[in-house]
Amino acid sequence: APLRPDVPGFERPNVHTLRSLEDADALIAAAEKARSVAVVGASF
């Protein structure tokens, strides 16, 4: 399961993890409305 660091604000609805197809659906939908994306973590 994806780790969600204990950082203030990371519980907000526009903060996503990506593990499942459902997560990808949510991220694609969110990206349609977003102009800027921040990725936390330079992992693969």
Full PDB file with SEQRES, HELIX, SHEET, SSBOND, CRYST1, ORIGX, SCALE, CONECT and MASTER records, all heavy atoms in Angstrom:
SEQRES   1 A   44  ALA PRO LEU ARG PRO ASP VAL PRO GLY PHE GLU ARG PRO          
SEQRES   2 A   44  ASN VAL HIS THR LEU ARG SER LEU GLU ASP ALA ASP ALA          
SEQRES   3 A   44  LEU ILE ALA ALA ALA GLU LYS ALA ARG SER VAL ALA VAL          
SEQRES   4 A   44  VAL GLY ALA SER PHE                                          
HELIX    1 AA1 LEU A   21  LYS A   33  1                                  13    
CRYST1    1.000    1.000    1.000  90.00  90.00  90.00 P 1           1          
ORIGX1      1.000000  0.000000  0.000000        0.00000                         
ORIGX2      0.000000  1.000000  0.000000        0.00000                         
ORIGX3      0.000000  0.000000  1.000000        0.00000                         
SCALE1      1.000000  0.000000  0.000000        0.00000                         
SCALE2      0.000000  1.000000  0.000000        0.00000                         
SCALE3      0.000000  0.000000  1.000000        0.00000                         
ATOM      1  N   ALA A   1       0.849  -1.193   0.000  1.00  0.00           N  
ATOM      2  CA  ALA A   1       0.000   0.000   0.000  1.00  0.00           C  
ATOM      3  C   ALA A   1       0.886   1.245   0.000  1.00  0.00           C  
ATOM      4  O   ALA A   1       1.941   1.269   0.643  1.00  0.00           O  
ATOM      5  CB  ALA A   1      -0.901   0.007   1.231  1.00  0.00           C  
ATOM      6  N   PRO A   2       0.477   2.300  -0.719  1.00  0.00           N  
ATOM      7  CA  PRO A   2       1.282   3.528  -0.773  1.00  0.00           C  
ATOM      8  C   PRO A   2       1.397   4.187   0.602  1.00  0.00           C  
ATOM      9  O   PRO A   2       0.452   4.168   1.397  1.00  0.00           O  
ATOM     10  CB  PRO A   2       0.505   4.431  -1.740  1.00  0.00           C  
ATOM     11  CG  PRO A   2      -0.427   3.538  -2.468  1.00  0.00           C  
ATOM     12  CD  PRO A   2      -0.741   2.410  -1.543  1.00  0.00           C  
ATOM     13  N   LEU A   3       2.559   4.747   0.851  1.00  0.00           N  
ATOM     14  CA  LEU A   3       2.787   5.487   2.092  1.00  0.00           C  
ATOM     15  C   LEU A   3       2.370   6.939   1.897  1.00  0.00           C  
ATOM     16  O   LEU A   3       2.671   7.552   0.873  1.00  0.00           O  
ATOM     17  CB  LEU A   3       4.260   5.420   2.487  1.00  0.00           C  
ATOM     18  CG  LEU A   3       4.793   4.023   2.864  1.00  0.00           C  
ATOM     19  CD1 LEU A   3       6.309   4.074   3.044  1.00  0.00           C  
ATOM     20  CD2 LEU A   3       4.113   3.498   4.113  1.00  0.00           C  
ATOM     21  N   ARG A   4       1.704   7.491   2.883  1.00  0.00           N  
ATOM     22  CA  ARG A   4       1.300   8.900   2.870  1.00  0.00           C  
ATOM     23  C   ARG A   4       1.975   9.565   4.075  1.00  0.00           C  
ATOM     24  O   ARG A   4       1.532   9.388   5.214  1.00  0.00           O  
ATOM     25  CB  ARG A   4      -0.217   9.035   2.947  1.00  0.00           C  
ATOM     26  CG  ARG A   4      -0.727  10.459   2.746  1.00  0.00           C  
ATOM     27  CD  ARG A   4      -2.254  10.504   2.808  1.00  0.00           C  
ATOM     28  NE  ARG A   4      -2.885   9.901   1.656  1.00  0.00           N  
ATOM     29  CZ  ARG A   4      -3.339  10.593   0.605  1.00  0.00           C  
ATOM     30  NH1 ARG A   4      -3.224  11.915   0.583  1.00  0.00           N  
ATOM     31  NH2 ARG A   4      -3.911   9.979  -0.411  1.00  0.00           N  
ATOM     32  N   PRO A   5       3.059  10.291   3.844  1.00  0.00           N  
ATOM     33  CA  PRO A   5       3.791  10.893   4.948  1.00  0.00           C  
ATOM     34  C   PRO A   5       2.901  11.776   5.821  1.00  0.00           C  
ATOM     35  O   PRO A   5       1.927  12.369   5.355  1.00  0.00           O  
ATOM     36  CB  PRO A   5       4.871  11.725   4.248  1.00  0.00           C  
ATOM     37  CG  PRO A   5       5.033  11.082   2.914  1.00  0.00           C  
ATOM     38  CD  PRO A   5       3.672  10.590   2.538  1.00  0.00           C  
ATOM     39  N   ASP A   6       3.253  11.840   7.103  1.00  0.00           N  
ATOM     40  CA  ASP A   6       2.499  12.646   8.063  1.00  0.00           C  
ATOM     41  C   ASP A   6       2.931  14.110   7.941  1.00  0.00           C  
ATOM     42  O   ASP A   6       3.693  14.636   8.753  1.00  0.00           O  
ATOM     43  CB  ASP A   6       2.740  12.128   9.482  1.00  0.00           C  
ATOM     44  CG  ASP A   6       1.864  12.836  10.516  1.00  0.00           C  
ATOM     45  OD1 ASP A   6       0.892  13.486  10.113  1.00  0.00           O  
ATOM     46  OD2 ASP A   6       2.192  12.736  11.721  1.00  0.00           O  
ATOM     47  N   VAL A   7       2.439  14.738   6.904  1.00  0.00           N  
ATOM     48  CA  VAL A   7       2.749  16.134   6.614  1.00  0.00           C  
ATOM     49  C   VAL A   7       1.443  16.917   6.598  1.00  0.00           C  
ATOM     50  O   VAL A   7       0.469  16.470   5.965  1.00  0.00           O  
ATOM     51  CB  VAL A   7       3.475  16.274   5.257  1.00  0.00           C  
ATOM     52  CG1 VAL A   7       3.633  17.736   4.862  1.00  0.00           C  
ATOM     53  CG2 VAL A   7       4.830  15.583   5.300  1.00  0.00           C  
ATOM     54  N   PRO A   8       1.379  18.054   7.275  1.00  0.00           N  
ATOM     55  CA  PRO A   8       0.147  18.851   7.281  1.00  0.00           C  
ATOM     56  C   PRO A   8      -0.328  19.163   5.857  1.00  0.00           C  
ATOM     57  O   PRO A   8       0.446  19.646   5.037  1.00  0.00           O  
ATOM     58  CB  PRO A   8       0.549  20.128   8.030  1.00  0.00           C  
ATOM     59  CG  PRO A   8       1.679  19.705   8.903  1.00  0.00           C  
ATOM     60  CD  PRO A   8       2.429  18.671   8.120  1.00  0.00           C  
ATOM     61  N   GLY A   9      -1.590  18.855   5.583  1.00  0.00           N  
ATOM     62  CA  GLY A   9      -2.172  19.140   4.280  1.00  0.00           C  
ATOM     63  C   GLY A   9      -2.174  17.973   3.329  1.00  0.00           C  
ATOM     64  O   GLY A   9      -2.873  18.019   2.299  1.00  0.00           O  
ATOM     65  N   PHE A  10      -1.442  16.906   3.634  1.00  0.00           N  
ATOM     66  CA  PHE A  10      -1.406  15.754   2.724  1.00  0.00           C  
ATOM     67  C   PHE A  10      -2.692  14.934   2.771  1.00  0.00           C  
ATOM     68  O   PHE A  10      -2.855  13.982   2.000  1.00  0.00           O  
ATOM     69  CB  PHE A  10      -0.207  14.866   3.023  1.00  0.00           C  
ATOM     70  CG  PHE A  10       1.071  15.313   2.350  1.00  0.00           C  
ATOM     71  CD1 PHE A  10       1.118  16.507   1.643  1.00  0.00           C  
ATOM     72  CD2 PHE A  10       2.218  14.541   2.418  1.00  0.00           C  
ATOM     73  CE1 PHE A  10       2.288  16.927   1.026  1.00  0.00           C  
ATOM     74  CE2 PHE A  10       3.391  14.946   1.800  1.00  0.00           C  
ATOM     75  CZ  PHE A  10       3.426  16.145   1.104  1.00  0.00           C  
ATOM     76  N   GLU A  11      -3.612  15.306   3.672  1.00  0.00           N  
ATOM     77  CA  GLU A  11      -4.903  14.640   3.713  1.00  0.00           C  
ATOM     78  C   GLU A  11      -5.914  15.316   2.783  1.00  0.00           C  
ATOM     79  O   GLU A  11      -7.043  14.848   2.629  1.00  0.00           O  
ATOM     80  CB  GLU A  11      -5.450  14.646   5.148  1.00  0.00           C  
ATOM     81  CG  GLU A  11      -5.989  15.980   5.645  1.00  0.00           C  
ATOM     82  CD  GLU A  11      -4.917  17.013   5.984  1.00  0.00           C  
ATOM     83  OE1 GLU A  11      -3.712  16.654   5.972  1.00  0.00           O  
ATOM     84  OE2 GLU A  11      -5.279  18.177   6.265  1.00  0.00           O  
ATOM     85  N   ARG A  12      -5.528  16.400   2.133  1.00  0.00           N  
ATOM     86  CA  ARG A  12      -6.448  17.148   1.275  1.00  0.00           C  
ATOM     87  C   ARG A  12      -6.838  16.341   0.038  1.00  0.00           C  
ATOM     88  O   ARG A  12      -6.079  15.481  -0.424  1.00  0.00           O  
ATOM     89  CB  ARG A  12      -5.799  18.476   0.846  1.00  0.00           C  
ATOM     90  CG  ARG A  12      -5.608  19.459   2.005  1.00  0.00           C  
ATOM     91  CD  ARG A  12      -4.937  20.734   1.509  1.00  0.00           C  
ATOM     92  NE  ARG A  12      -4.769  21.696   2.592  1.00  0.00           N  
ATOM     93  CZ  ARG A  12      -5.696  22.585   2.951  1.00  0.00           C  
ATOM     94  NH1 ARG A  12      -6.850  22.638   2.291  1.00  0.00           N  
ATOM     95  NH2 ARG A  12      -5.470  23.420   3.945  1.00  0.00           N  
ATOM     96  N   PRO A  13      -8.020  16.640  -0.533  1.00  0.00           N  
ATOM     97  CA  PRO A  13      -8.504  15.857  -1.678  1.00  0.00           C  
ATOM     98  C   PRO A  13      -7.683  16.015  -2.944  1.00  0.00           C  
ATOM     99  O   PRO A  13      -7.786  15.159  -3.841  1.00  0.00           O  
ATOM    100  CB  PRO A  13      -9.939  16.381  -1.875  1.00  0.00           C  
ATOM    101  CG  PRO A  13      -9.963  17.727  -1.234  1.00  0.00           C  
ATOM    102  CD  PRO A  13      -9.017  17.634  -0.071  1.00  0.00           C  
ATOM    103  N   ASN A  14      -6.896  17.094  -3.066  1.00  0.00           N  
ATOM    104  CA  ASN A  14      -6.065  17.239  -4.269  1.00  0.00           C  
ATOM    105  C   ASN A  14      -4.646  16.713  -4.059  1.00  0.00           C  
ATOM    106  O   ASN A  14      -3.721  17.054  -4.792  1.00  0.00           O  
ATOM    107  CB  ASN A  14      -6.045  18.683  -4.771  1.00  0.00           C  
ATOM    108  CG  ASN A  14      -5.582  19.684  -3.727  1.00  0.00           C  
ATOM    109  OD1 ASN A  14      -5.638  19.409  -2.521  1.00  0.00           O  
ATOM    110  ND2 ASN A  14      -5.141  20.852  -4.180  1.00  0.00           N  
ATOM    111  N   VAL A  15      -4.480  15.843  -3.041  1.00  0.00           N  
ATOM    112  CA  VAL A  15      -3.225  15.110  -2.833  1.00  0.00           C  
ATOM    113  C   VAL A  15      -3.501  13.640  -3.105  1.00  0.00           C  
ATOM    114  O   VAL A  15      -4.341  13.020  -2.453  1.00  0.00           O  
ATOM    115  CB  VAL A  15      -2.683  15.296  -1.406  1.00  0.00           C  
ATOM    116  CG1 VAL A  15      -1.407  14.481  -1.218  1.00  0.00           C  
ATOM    117  CG2 VAL A  15      -2.427  16.769  -1.112  1.00  0.00           C  
ATOM    118  N   HIS A  16      -2.813  13.082  -4.082  1.00  0.00           N  
ATOM    119  CA  HIS A  16      -3.097  11.725  -4.556  1.00  0.00           C  
ATOM    120  C   HIS A  16      -1.907  10.793  -4.357  1.00  0.00           C  
ATOM    121  O   HIS A  16      -0.748  11.216  -4.416  1.00  0.00           O  
ATOM    122  CB  HIS A  16      -3.437  11.740  -6.047  1.00  0.00           C  
ATOM    123  CG  HIS A  16      -4.712  12.443  -6.373  1.00  0.00           C  
ATOM    124  ND1 HIS A  16      -5.826  11.787  -6.846  1.00  0.00           N  
ATOM    125  CD2 HIS A  16      -5.057  13.760  -6.303  1.00  0.00           C  
ATOM    126  CE1 HIS A  16      -6.794  12.652  -7.060  1.00  0.00           C  
ATOM    127  NE2 HIS A  16      -6.358  13.863  -6.740  1.00  0.00           N  
ATOM    128  N   THR A  17      -2.227   9.512  -4.151  1.00  0.00           N  
ATOM    129  CA  THR A  17      -1.243   8.441  -4.306  1.00  0.00           C  
ATOM    130  C   THR A  17      -1.630   7.653  -5.551  1.00  0.00           C  
ATOM    131  O   THR A  17      -2.755   7.767  -6.052  1.00  0.00           O  
ATOM    132  CB  THR A  17      -1.211   7.513  -3.076  1.00  0.00           C  
ATOM    133  OG1 THR A  17      -2.516   6.971  -2.861  1.00  0.00           O  
ATOM    134  CG2 THR A  17      -0.751   8.273  -1.836  1.00  0.00           C  
ATOM    135  N   LEU A  18      -0.710   6.833  -6.040  1.00  0.00           N  
ATOM    136  CA  LEU A  18      -0.988   6.054  -7.254  1.00  0.00           C  
ATOM    137  C   LEU A  18      -0.554   4.616  -7.048  1.00  0.00           C  
ATOM    138  O   LEU A  18       0.630   4.320  -6.976  1.00  0.00           O  
ATOM    139  CB  LEU A  18      -0.260   6.653  -8.453  1.00  0.00           C  
ATOM    140  CG  LEU A  18      -0.458   5.922  -9.784  1.00  0.00           C  
ATOM    141  CD1 LEU A  18      -1.930   5.851 -10.170  1.00  0.00           C  
ATOM    142  CD2 LEU A  18       0.355   6.590 -10.893  1.00  0.00           C  
ATOM    143  N   ARG A  19      -1.557   3.754  -6.935  1.00  0.00           N  
ATOM    144  CA  ARG A  19      -1.284   2.328  -6.824  1.00  0.00           C  
ATOM    145  C   ARG A  19      -2.226   1.520  -7.708  1.00  0.00           C  
ATOM    146  O   ARG A  19      -1.816   0.565  -8.362  1.00  0.00           O  
ATOM    147  CB  ARG A  19      -1.438   1.888  -5.353  1.00  0.00           C  
ATOM    148  CG  ARG A  19      -1.168   0.412  -5.087  1.00  0.00           C  
ATOM    149  CD  ARG A  19       0.289   0.069  -5.238  1.00  0.00           C  
ATOM    150  NE  ARG A  19       0.557  -1.336  -4.967  1.00  0.00           N  
ATOM    151  CZ  ARG A  19       1.756  -1.901  -5.102  1.00  0.00           C  
ATOM    152  NH1 ARG A  19       2.788  -1.174  -5.486  1.00  0.00           N  
ATOM    153  NH2 ARG A  19       1.937  -3.176  -4.846  1.00  0.00           N  
ATOM    154  N   SER A  20      -3.488   1.930  -7.711  1.00  0.00           N  
ATOM    155  CA  SER A  20      -4.525   1.160  -8.387  1.00  0.00           C  
ATOM    156  C   SER A  20      -5.025   1.856  -9.643  1.00  0.00           C  
ATOM    157  O   SER A  20      -4.733   3.031  -9.889  1.00  0.00           O  
ATOM    158  CB  SER A  20      -5.697   0.931  -7.437  1.00  0.00           C  
ATOM    159  OG  SER A  20      -6.339   2.176  -7.164  1.00  0.00           O  
ATOM    160  N   LEU A  21      -5.805   1.119 -10.414  1.00  0.00           N  
ATOM    161  CA  LEU A  21      -6.438   1.688 -11.597  1.00  0.00           C  
ATOM    162  C   LEU A  21      -7.429   2.770 -11.178  1.00  0.00           C  
ATOM    163  O   LEU A  21      -7.565   3.803 -11.851  1.00  0.00           O  
ATOM    164  CB  LEU A  21      -7.141   0.585 -12.381  1.00  0.00           C  
ATOM    165  CG  LEU A  21      -7.642   0.906 -13.784  1.00  0.00           C  
ATOM    166  CD1 LEU A  21      -6.534   1.459 -14.670  1.00  0.00           C  
ATOM    167  CD2 LEU A  21      -8.256  -0.343 -14.409  1.00  0.00           C  
ATOM    168  N   GLU A  22      -8.098   2.562 -10.058  1.00  0.00           N  
ATOM    169  CA  GLU A  22      -9.014   3.565  -9.523  1.00  0.00           C  
ATOM    170  C   GLU A  22      -8.246   4.841  -9.169  1.00  0.00           C  
ATOM    171  O   GLU A  22      -8.729   5.954  -9.418  1.00  0.00           O  
ATOM    172  CB  GLU A  22      -9.723   3.008  -8.294  1.00  0.00           C  
ATOM    173  CG  GLU A  22     -10.858   3.861  -7.779  1.00  0.00           C  
ATOM    174  CD  GLU A  22     -11.579   3.212  -6.619  1.00  0.00           C  
ATOM    175  OE1 GLU A  22     -10.894   2.663  -5.720  1.00  0.00           O  
ATOM    176  OE2 GLU A  22     -12.824   3.248  -6.592  1.00  0.00           O  
ATOM    177  N   ASP A  23      -7.039   4.687  -8.604  1.00  0.00           N  
ATOM    178  CA  ASP A  23      -6.191   5.857  -8.319  1.00  0.00           C  
ATOM    179  C   ASP A  23      -5.847   6.597  -9.605  1.00  0.00           C  
ATOM    180  O   ASP A  23      -5.846   7.830  -9.648  1.00  0.00           O  
ATOM    181  CB  ASP A  23      -4.889   5.428  -7.630  1.00  0.00           C  
ATOM    182  CG  ASP A  23      -5.098   4.891  -6.228  1.00  0.00           C  
ATOM    183  OD1 ASP A  23      -6.131   5.208  -5.609  1.00  0.00           O  
ATOM    184  OD2 ASP A  23      -4.211   4.147  -5.755  1.00  0.00           O  
ATOM    185  N   ALA A  24      -5.528   5.840 -10.655  1.00  0.00           N  
ATOM    186  CA  ALA A  24      -5.177   6.458 -11.938  1.00  0.00           C  
ATOM    187  C   ALA A  24      -6.368   7.208 -12.514  1.00  0.00           C  
ATOM    188  O   ALA A  24      -6.213   8.309 -13.061  1.00  0.00           O  
ATOM    189  CB  ALA A  24      -4.683   5.394 -12.918  1.00  0.00           C  
ATOM    190  N   ASP A  25      -7.568   6.629 -12.385  1.00  0.00           N  
ATOM    191  CA  ASP A  25      -8.778   7.319 -12.839  1.00  0.00           C  
ATOM    192  C   ASP A  25      -8.927   8.669 -12.144  1.00  0.00           C  
ATOM    193  O   ASP A  25      -9.213   9.694 -12.784  1.00  0.00           O  
ATOM    194  CB  ASP A  25     -10.017   6.476 -12.538  1.00  0.00           C  
ATOM    195  CG  ASP A  25     -10.125   5.228 -13.404  1.00  0.00           C  
ATOM    196  OD1 ASP A  25      -9.508   5.207 -14.481  1.00  0.00           O  
ATOM    197  OD2 ASP A  25     -10.825   4.289 -12.996  1.00  0.00           O  
ATOM    198  N   ALA A  26      -8.756   8.647 -10.820  1.00  0.00           N  
ATOM    199  CA  ALA A  26      -8.917   9.871 -10.040  1.00  0.00           C  
ATOM    200  C   ALA A  26      -7.861  10.904 -10.416  1.00  0.00           C  
ATOM    201  O   ALA A  26      -8.146  12.111 -10.502  1.00  0.00           O  
ATOM    202  CB  ALA A  26      -8.832   9.550  -8.552  1.00  0.00           C  
ATOM    203  N   LEU A  27      -6.650  10.439 -10.671  1.00  0.00           N  
ATOM    204  CA  LEU A  27      -5.564  11.346 -11.023  1.00  0.00           C  
ATOM    205  C   LEU A  27      -5.778  11.952 -12.413  1.00  0.00           C  
ATOM    206  O   LEU A  27      -5.523  13.150 -12.623  1.00  0.00           O  
ATOM    207  CB  LEU A  27      -4.233  10.593 -10.960  1.00  0.00           C  
ATOM    208  CG  LEU A  27      -2.948  11.402 -11.075  1.00  0.00           C  
ATOM    209  CD1 LEU A  27      -2.934  12.582 -10.121  1.00  0.00           C  
ATOM    210  CD2 LEU A  27      -1.740  10.504 -10.821  1.00  0.00           C  
ATOM    211  N   ILE A  28      -6.259  11.155 -13.342  1.00  0.00           N  
ATOM    212  CA  ILE A  28      -6.549  11.671 -14.682  1.00  0.00           C  
ATOM    213  C   ILE A  28      -7.644  12.734 -14.611  1.00  0.00           C  
ATOM    214  O   ILE A  28      -7.546  13.794 -15.240  1.00  0.00           O  
ATOM    215  CB  ILE A  28      -6.960  10.510 -15.619  1.00  0.00           C  
ATOM    216  CG1 ILE A  28      -5.753   9.619 -15.920  1.00  0.00           C  
ATOM    217  CG2 ILE A  28      -7.551  11.048 -16.920  1.00  0.00           C  
ATOM    218  CD1 ILE A  28      -6.100   8.319 -16.615  1.00  0.00           C  
ATOM    219  N   ALA A  29      -8.688  12.461 -13.834  1.00  0.00           N  
ATOM    220  CA  ALA A  29      -9.774  13.431 -13.696  1.00  0.00           C  
ATOM    221  C   ALA A  29      -9.277  14.719 -13.049  1.00  0.00           C  
ATOM    222  O   ALA A  29      -9.639  15.825 -13.479  1.00  0.00           O  
ATOM    223  CB  ALA A  29     -10.904  12.826 -12.866  1.00  0.00           C  
ATOM    224  N   ALA A  30      -8.425  14.590 -12.032  1.00  0.00           N  
ATOM    225  CA  ALA A  30      -7.890  15.774 -11.358  1.00  0.00           C  
ATOM    226  C   ALA A  30      -6.963  16.557 -12.279  1.00  0.00           C  
ATOM    227  O   ALA A  30      -6.937  17.797 -12.250  1.00  0.00           O  
ATOM    228  CB  ALA A  30      -7.149  15.355 -10.091  1.00  0.00           C  
ATOM    229  N   ALA A  31      -6.195  15.852 -13.112  1.00  0.00           N  
ATOM    230  CA  ALA A  31      -5.252  16.523 -14.007  1.00  0.00           C  
ATOM    231  C   ALA A  31      -5.961  17.364 -15.057  1.00  0.00           C  
ATOM    232  O   ALA A  31      -5.410  18.365 -15.533  1.00  0.00           O  
ATOM    233  CB  ALA A  31      -4.352  15.485 -14.677  1.00  0.00           C  
ATOM    234  N   GLU A  32      -7.177  16.982 -15.437  1.00  0.00           N  
ATOM    235  CA  GLU A  32      -7.913  17.749 -16.442  1.00  0.00           C  
ATOM    236  C   GLU A  32      -8.211  19.169 -15.968  1.00  0.00           C  
ATOM    237  O   GLU A  32      -8.327  20.087 -16.779  1.00  0.00           O  
ATOM    238  CB  GLU A  32      -9.213  17.018 -16.788  1.00  0.00           C  
ATOM    239  CG  GLU A  32      -8.990  15.740 -17.590  1.00  0.00           C  
ATOM    240  CD  GLU A  32     -10.295  15.063 -17.959  1.00  0.00           C  
ATOM    241  OE1 GLU A  32     -11.365  15.575 -17.539  1.00  0.00           O  
ATOM    242  OE2 GLU A  32     -10.251  14.032 -18.663  1.00  0.00           O  
ATOM    243  N   LYS A  33      -8.312  19.334 -14.646  1.00  0.00           N  
ATOM    244  CA  LYS A  33      -8.630  20.648 -14.086  1.00  0.00           C  
ATOM    245  C   LYS A  33      -7.395  21.388 -13.581  1.00  0.00           C  
ATOM    246  O   LYS A  33      -7.489  22.554 -13.201  1.00  0.00           O  
ATOM    247  CB  LYS A  33      -9.627  20.492 -12.942  1.00  0.00           C  
ATOM    248  CG  LYS A  33     -10.914  19.786 -13.333  1.00  0.00           C  
ATOM    249  CD  LYS A  33     -11.797  19.546 -12.122  1.00  0.00           C  
ATOM    250  CE  LYS A  33     -13.051  18.765 -12.479  1.00  0.00           C  
ATOM    251  NZ  LYS A  33     -13.886  18.495 -11.279  1.00  0.00           N  
ATOM    252  N   ALA A  34      -6.261  20.708 -13.556  1.00  0.00           N  
ATOM    253  CA  ALA A  34      -5.050  21.301 -12.968  1.00  0.00           C  
ATOM    254  C   ALA A  34      -4.152  21.920 -14.034  1.00  0.00           C  
ATOM    255  O   ALA A  34      -4.110  21.460 -15.174  1.00  0.00           O  
ATOM    256  CB  ALA A  34      -4.274  20.237 -12.198  1.00  0.00           C  
ATOM    257  N   ARG A  35      -3.443  22.951 -13.644  1.00  0.00           N  
ATOM    258  CA  ARG A  35      -2.420  23.548 -14.505  1.00  0.00           C  
ATOM    259  C   ARG A  35      -1.032  23.151 -14.042  1.00  0.00           C  
ATOM    260  O   ARG A  35      -0.136  22.929 -14.855  1.00  0.00           O  
ATOM    261  CB  ARG A  35      -2.556  25.062 -14.491  1.00  0.00           C  
ATOM    262  CG  ARG A  35      -3.812  25.603 -15.168  1.00  0.00           C  
ATOM    263  CD  ARG A  35      -3.950  27.085 -14.957  1.00  0.00           C  
ATOM    264  NE  ARG A  35      -4.039  27.413 -13.526  1.00  0.00           N  
ATOM    265  CZ  ARG A  35      -4.051  28.637 -13.020  1.00  0.00           C  
ATOM    266  NH1 ARG A  35      -3.955  29.677 -13.829  1.00  0.00           N  
ATOM    267  NH2 ARG A  35      -4.162  28.834 -11.715  1.00  0.00           N  
ATOM    268  N   SER A  36      -0.844  23.072 -12.721  1.00  0.00           N  
ATOM    269  CA  SER A  36       0.471  22.755 -12.165  1.00  0.00           C  
ATOM    270  C   SER A  36       0.388  21.526 -11.279  1.00  0.00           C  
ATOM    271  O   SER A  36      -0.554  21.361 -10.499  1.00  0.00           O  
ATOM    272  CB  SER A  36       1.003  23.944 -11.355  1.00  0.00           C  
ATOM    273  OG  SER A  36       0.086  24.298 -10.332  1.00  0.00           O  
ATOM    274  N   VAL A  37       1.367  20.642 -11.423  1.00  0.00           N  
ATOM    275  CA  VAL A  37       1.418  19.392 -10.667  1.00  0.00           C  
ATOM    276  C   VAL A  37       2.740  19.324  -9.921  1.00  0.00           C  
ATOM    277  O   VAL A  37       3.801  19.549 -10.519  1.00  0.00           O  
ATOM    278  CB  VAL A  37       1.282  18.172 -11.595  1.00  0.00           C  
ATOM    279  CG1 VAL A  37       1.354  16.875 -10.798  1.00  0.00           C  
ATOM    280  CG2 VAL A  37      -0.006  18.242 -12.405  1.00  0.00           C  
ATOM    281  N   ALA A  38       2.671  19.002  -8.642  1.00  0.00           N  
ATOM    282  CA  ALA A  38       3.882  18.768  -7.851  1.00  0.00           C  
ATOM    283  C   ALA A  38       3.956  17.293  -7.502  1.00  0.00           C  
ATOM    284  O   ALA A  38       2.986  16.719  -6.998  1.00  0.00           O  
ATOM    285  CB  ALA A  38       3.874  19.607  -6.581  1.00  0.00           C  
ATOM    286  N   VAL A  39       5.076  16.679  -7.793  1.00  0.00           N  
ATOM    287  CA  VAL A  39       5.309  15.278  -7.449  1.00  0.00           C  
ATOM    288  C   VAL A  39       6.270  15.253  -6.272  1.00  0.00           C  
ATOM    289  O   VAL A  39       7.382  15.792  -6.363  1.00  0.00           O  
ATOM    290  CB  VAL A  39       5.893  14.493  -8.638  1.00  0.00           C  
ATOM    291  CG1 VAL A  39       6.185  13.051  -8.233  1.00  0.00           C  
ATOM    292  CG2 VAL A  39       4.950  14.535  -9.829  1.00  0.00           C  
ATOM    293  N   VAL A  40       5.843  14.649  -5.178  1.00  0.00           N  
ATOM    294  CA  VAL A  40       6.692  14.545  -3.989  1.00  0.00           C  
ATOM    295  C   VAL A  40       7.341  13.177  -3.997  1.00  0.00           C  
ATOM    296  O   VAL A  40       6.668  12.152  -3.846  1.00  0.00           O  
ATOM    297  CB  VAL A  40       5.872  14.756  -2.697  1.00  0.00           C  
ATOM    298  CG1 VAL A  40       6.783  14.647  -1.471  1.00  0.00           C  
ATOM    299  CG2 VAL A  40       5.176  16.107  -2.724  1.00  0.00           C  
ATOM    300  N   GLY A  41       8.645  13.143  -4.195  1.00  0.00           N  
ATOM    301  CA  GLY A  41       9.382  11.891  -4.280  1.00  0.00           C  
ATOM    302  C   GLY A  41       9.901  11.638  -5.677  1.00  0.00           C  
ATOM    303  O   GLY A  41       9.125  11.597  -6.637  1.00  0.00           O  
ATOM    304  N   ALA A  42      11.221  11.488  -5.800  1.00  0.00           N  
ATOM    305  CA  ALA A  42      11.844  11.230  -7.105  1.00  0.00           C  
ATOM    306  C   ALA A  42      12.092   9.739  -7.281  1.00  0.00           C  
ATOM    307  O   ALA A  42      13.159   9.314  -7.731  1.00  0.00           O  
ATOM    308  CB  ALA A  42      13.143  12.023  -7.224  1.00  0.00           C  
ATOM    309  N   SER A  43      11.089   8.935  -6.914  1.00  0.00           N  
ATOM    310  CA  SER A  43      11.148   7.491  -7.091  1.00  0.00           C  
ATOM    311  C   SER A  43      10.818   7.148  -8.545  1.00  0.00           C  
ATOM    312  O   SER A  43      10.490   8.018  -9.349  1.00  0.00           O  
ATOM    313  CB  SER A  43      10.124   6.832  -6.167  1.00  0.00           C  
ATOM    314  OG  SER A  43       8.816   7.322  -6.482  1.00  0.00           O  
ATOM    315  N   PHE A  44      10.892   5.861  -8.877  1.00  0.00           N  
ATOM    316  CA  PHE A  44      10.494   5.454 -10.230  1.00  0.00           C  
ATOM    317  C   PHE A  44       9.046   5.837 -10.493  1.00  0.00           C  
ATOM    318  O   PHE A  44       8.721   6.386 -11.543  1.00  0.00           O  
ATOM    319  CB  PHE A  44      10.684   3.946 -10.415  1.00  0.00           C  
ATOM    320  CG  PHE A  44      12.109   3.538 -10.633  1.00  0.00           C  
ATOM    321  CD1 PHE A  44      12.813   2.872  -9.654  1.00  0.00           C  
ATOM    322  CD2 PHE A  44      12.758   3.824 -11.824  1.00  0.00           C  
ATOM    323  CE1 PHE A  44      14.135   2.500  -9.848  1.00  0.00           C  
ATOM    324  CE2 PHE A  44      14.075   3.465 -12.040  1.00  0.00           C  
ATOM    325  CZ  PHE A  44      14.761   2.796 -11.036  1.00  0.00           C  
TER     326      PHE A  44                                                      
MASTER        0    0    0    1    0    0    0    6  325    1    0    4          
END                                                                             
